N, C-alpha and C. Protein backbone atom coordinates (compact mmCIF):
# COMPACT_ATOMS: atom_id res chain seq x y z
N UNK A 1 93.72 91.41 96.61
CA UNK A 1 94.90 90.89 97.54
C UNK A 1 94.32 90.19 99.14
N UNK A 2 94.31 88.96 98.97
CA UNK A 2 93.93 88.52 100.29
C UNK A 2 94.42 89.36 101.75
N UNK A 3 93.75 89.28 102.99
CA UNK A 3 94.46 89.91 103.69
C UNK A 3 95.51 89.15 104.48
N UNK A 4 95.60 87.99 104.15
CA UNK A 4 96.70 86.93 104.64
C UNK A 4 97.73 86.74 103.88
N UNK A 5 98.82 86.98 104.35
CA UNK A 5 100.13 86.74 103.95
C UNK A 5 100.84 85.20 104.08
N UNK A 6 100.94 84.51 102.95
CA UNK A 6 101.50 83.27 103.27
C UNK A 6 102.62 82.97 103.21
N UNK A 7 103.16 84.06 103.22
CA UNK A 7 104.89 83.89 103.53
C UNK A 7 105.14 83.84 105.17
N UNK A 8 104.26 84.46 105.85
CA UNK A 8 104.77 84.62 106.99
C UNK A 8 104.91 83.72 107.92
N UNK A 9 104.02 82.64 107.51
CA UNK A 9 104.43 81.05 108.01
C UNK A 9 105.91 80.58 107.73
N UNK A 10 106.63 81.16 106.74
CA UNK A 10 108.04 80.57 106.65
C UNK A 10 108.77 81.02 107.73
N UNK A 11 110.02 80.33 107.79
CA UNK A 11 111.12 80.75 108.80
C UNK A 11 111.60 81.92 108.18
N UNK A 12 112.24 82.68 108.99
CA UNK A 12 113.06 83.88 108.75
C UNK A 12 114.03 83.78 107.68
N UNK A 13 114.86 82.59 107.90
CA UNK A 13 115.67 82.42 106.48
C UNK A 13 115.15 82.43 105.09
N UNK A 14 113.83 81.44 105.03
CA UNK A 14 113.15 81.51 103.98
C UNK A 14 112.58 82.79 103.38
N UNK A 15 112.16 83.40 104.16
CA UNK A 15 111.70 84.66 103.90
C UNK A 15 112.73 85.83 103.43
N UNK A 16 113.63 85.61 104.12
CA UNK A 16 114.94 86.11 103.49
C UNK A 16 115.76 85.82 102.12
N UNK A 17 115.37 84.68 101.96
CA UNK A 17 115.72 84.00 100.50
C UNK A 17 114.99 84.46 99.53
N UNK A 18 113.27 84.36 99.60
CA UNK A 18 112.54 84.97 98.80
C UNK A 18 112.79 86.54 98.58
N UNK A 19 113.01 87.12 99.52
CA UNK A 19 113.25 88.60 99.40
C UNK A 19 114.39 89.19 98.44
N UNK A 20 115.27 88.26 98.66
CA UNK A 20 116.60 88.41 97.64
C UNK A 20 116.09 88.07 96.30
N UNK A 21 115.27 87.24 96.01
CA UNK A 21 114.94 86.53 94.74
C UNK A 21 114.18 87.80 94.05
N UNK A 22 113.10 88.41 95.11
CA UNK A 22 112.23 89.02 94.64
C UNK A 22 112.76 90.42 94.05
N UNK A 23 113.76 90.77 94.83
CA UNK A 23 114.58 91.82 94.71
C UNK A 23 115.10 91.94 93.06
N UNK A 24 115.77 90.66 92.95
CA UNK A 24 116.35 90.39 91.74
C UNK A 24 115.64 90.18 90.81
N UNK A 25 114.50 90.00 90.76
CA UNK A 25 113.33 89.93 89.63
C UNK A 25 112.68 91.58 89.47
N UNK A 26 112.66 92.33 90.42
CA UNK A 26 112.40 93.85 90.73
C UNK A 26 113.39 94.53 89.66
N UNK A 27 114.53 94.17 89.97
CA UNK A 27 115.87 94.74 89.00
C UNK A 27 115.45 94.07 87.58
N UNK A 28 115.12 93.26 87.21
CA UNK A 28 115.30 92.75 85.82
C UNK A 28 114.13 93.59 85.34
N UNK A 29 112.75 93.61 86.17
CA UNK A 29 111.89 94.45 85.71
C UNK A 29 111.94 96.11 85.60
N UNK A 30 112.74 96.62 85.96
CA UNK A 30 113.34 98.03 86.07
C UNK A 30 114.16 97.98 84.81
N UNK A 31 114.94 97.03 84.45
CA UNK A 31 115.91 97.16 83.17
C UNK A 31 114.89 96.49 82.04
N UNK A 32 113.76 96.12 82.19
CA UNK A 32 112.92 95.77 81.02
C UNK A 32 113.12 94.34 80.42
N UNK A 33 113.80 93.81 81.38
CA UNK A 33 114.23 92.18 81.28
C UNK A 33 113.14 91.26 81.31
N UNK A 34 112.27 91.56 82.14
CA UNK A 34 110.89 90.61 82.38
C UNK A 34 109.94 90.65 81.08
N UNK A 35 109.97 91.93 80.63
CA UNK A 35 109.23 92.01 79.23
C UNK A 35 109.95 91.51 78.03
N UNK A 36 111.28 91.98 78.02
CA UNK A 36 112.00 91.58 76.54
C UNK A 36 112.50 90.27 76.73
N UNK A 37 112.91 89.62 77.74
CA UNK A 37 113.61 88.64 77.89
C UNK A 37 112.73 87.33 78.06
N UNK A 38 111.62 87.53 79.16
CA UNK A 38 111.02 86.64 79.82
C UNK A 38 109.53 86.66 79.05
N UNK A 39 109.34 87.39 78.46
CA UNK A 39 107.77 87.61 77.59
C UNK A 39 106.95 87.93 78.61
N UNK A 40 107.00 88.77 79.79
CA UNK A 40 105.90 89.17 80.54
C UNK A 40 105.18 89.94 80.16
N UNK A 41 103.95 90.14 80.19
CA UNK A 41 102.91 91.03 79.91
C UNK A 41 102.32 91.78 81.47
N UNK A 42 101.12 92.65 81.02
CA UNK A 42 100.53 93.53 82.11
C UNK A 42 100.21 92.46 83.51
N UNK A 43 99.82 91.11 83.26
CA UNK A 43 99.25 90.43 84.18
C UNK A 43 100.58 89.69 85.02
N UNK A 44 101.24 89.17 84.15
CA UNK A 44 102.48 88.92 85.10
C UNK A 44 103.52 90.14 85.85
N UNK A 45 103.48 91.13 85.30
CA UNK A 45 104.09 92.09 85.78
C UNK A 45 103.33 92.55 87.03
N UNK A 46 101.80 92.51 86.80
CA UNK A 46 100.91 92.59 88.20
C UNK A 46 101.32 91.77 89.27
N UNK A 47 101.03 90.54 88.69
CA UNK A 47 101.73 89.58 89.79
C UNK A 47 102.71 89.41 90.51
N UNK A 48 103.74 89.68 89.87
CA UNK A 48 105.40 90.03 90.04
C UNK A 48 105.29 91.02 91.39
N UNK A 49 104.55 92.08 90.99
CA UNK A 49 104.81 93.09 91.76
C UNK A 49 103.84 93.01 93.15
N UNK A 50 102.67 92.17 93.09
CA UNK A 50 102.17 91.56 94.14
C UNK A 50 102.53 90.60 95.08
N UNK A 51 103.49 89.64 94.60
CA UNK A 51 104.20 88.62 95.18
C UNK A 51 105.46 89.45 95.90
N UNK A 52 105.96 90.67 94.88
CA UNK A 52 107.06 91.43 96.04
C UNK A 52 106.78 92.29 97.30
N UNK A 53 105.27 92.74 97.10
CA UNK A 53 104.99 93.48 98.32
C UNK A 53 104.55 92.50 99.22
N UNK A 54 104.00 91.11 99.12
CA UNK A 54 103.75 90.25 100.20
C UNK A 54 105.11 90.13 100.74
N UNK A 55 106.24 89.70 100.03
CA UNK A 55 107.56 88.92 100.36
C UNK A 55 108.02 90.06 101.30
N UNK A 56 107.82 91.23 100.91
CA UNK A 56 108.76 92.49 101.26
C UNK A 56 107.69 92.82 102.63
N UNK A 57 106.63 92.51 102.77
CA UNK A 57 105.52 92.70 104.07
C UNK A 57 106.27 91.59 105.27
N UNK A 58 106.45 90.36 104.71
CA UNK A 58 106.70 88.81 105.48
C UNK A 58 108.39 89.37 106.01
N UNK A 59 109.02 90.10 105.20
CA UNK A 59 110.66 90.19 105.48
C UNK A 59 110.53 91.33 106.91
N UNK A 60 109.92 92.31 106.66
CA UNK A 60 109.51 93.24 107.64
C UNK A 60 109.25 92.56 108.81
N UNK A 61 108.36 91.56 109.22
CA UNK A 61 108.17 90.79 110.29
C UNK A 61 108.67 90.09 110.83
N UNK A 62 109.42 89.14 109.87
CA UNK A 62 110.03 87.61 110.09
C UNK A 62 111.77 88.10 110.35
N UNK A 63 112.34 89.13 109.45
CA UNK A 63 113.54 89.53 109.09
C UNK A 63 114.38 90.61 109.85
N UNK A 64 113.57 91.54 109.04
CA UNK A 64 114.06 93.00 109.69
C UNK A 64 115.37 93.21 108.95
N UNK A 65 116.34 93.69 109.77
CA UNK A 65 117.79 93.61 109.58
C UNK A 65 118.71 92.91 110.02
N UNK A 66 118.16 91.81 110.66
CA UNK A 66 118.95 91.02 111.44
C UNK A 66 119.63 89.97 110.53
N UNK A 67 120.53 89.51 110.89
CA UNK A 67 121.15 88.17 110.05
C UNK A 67 120.64 86.93 110.30
N UNK A 68 119.98 86.23 109.59
CA UNK A 68 119.15 85.12 109.71
C UNK A 68 120.29 83.85 110.06
N UNK A 69 121.42 84.11 109.41
CA UNK A 69 122.59 82.97 109.80
C UNK A 69 122.66 82.83 111.40
N UNK A 70 122.66 83.88 112.07
CA UNK A 70 123.23 83.94 113.56
C UNK A 70 121.99 83.75 114.15
N UNK A 71 120.30 83.34 113.54
CA UNK A 71 119.58 83.03 114.44
C UNK A 71 119.26 81.72 114.52
N UNK A 72 118.86 81.03 115.62
CA UNK A 72 118.73 79.59 115.83
C UNK A 72 116.96 79.13 115.15
N UNK A 73 116.20 80.24 114.68
CA UNK A 73 114.97 79.60 113.72
C UNK A 73 115.09 79.13 112.55
């Protein structure tokens, strides 16, 4: 994994949306849906986990627990 997080360049709202999407895909992974319904194998599962890690790190920096709807950014 590169030291640069490409998601840090996005707006807080975009990062928040991506975090919601990554969480939904993690739920699908926990329930076996990525493997059984999407045909994911070990490489795609690892890539999904890598993306979720990057998105979560960007979320912590760009969003935290604030409501992005209340921000001007």
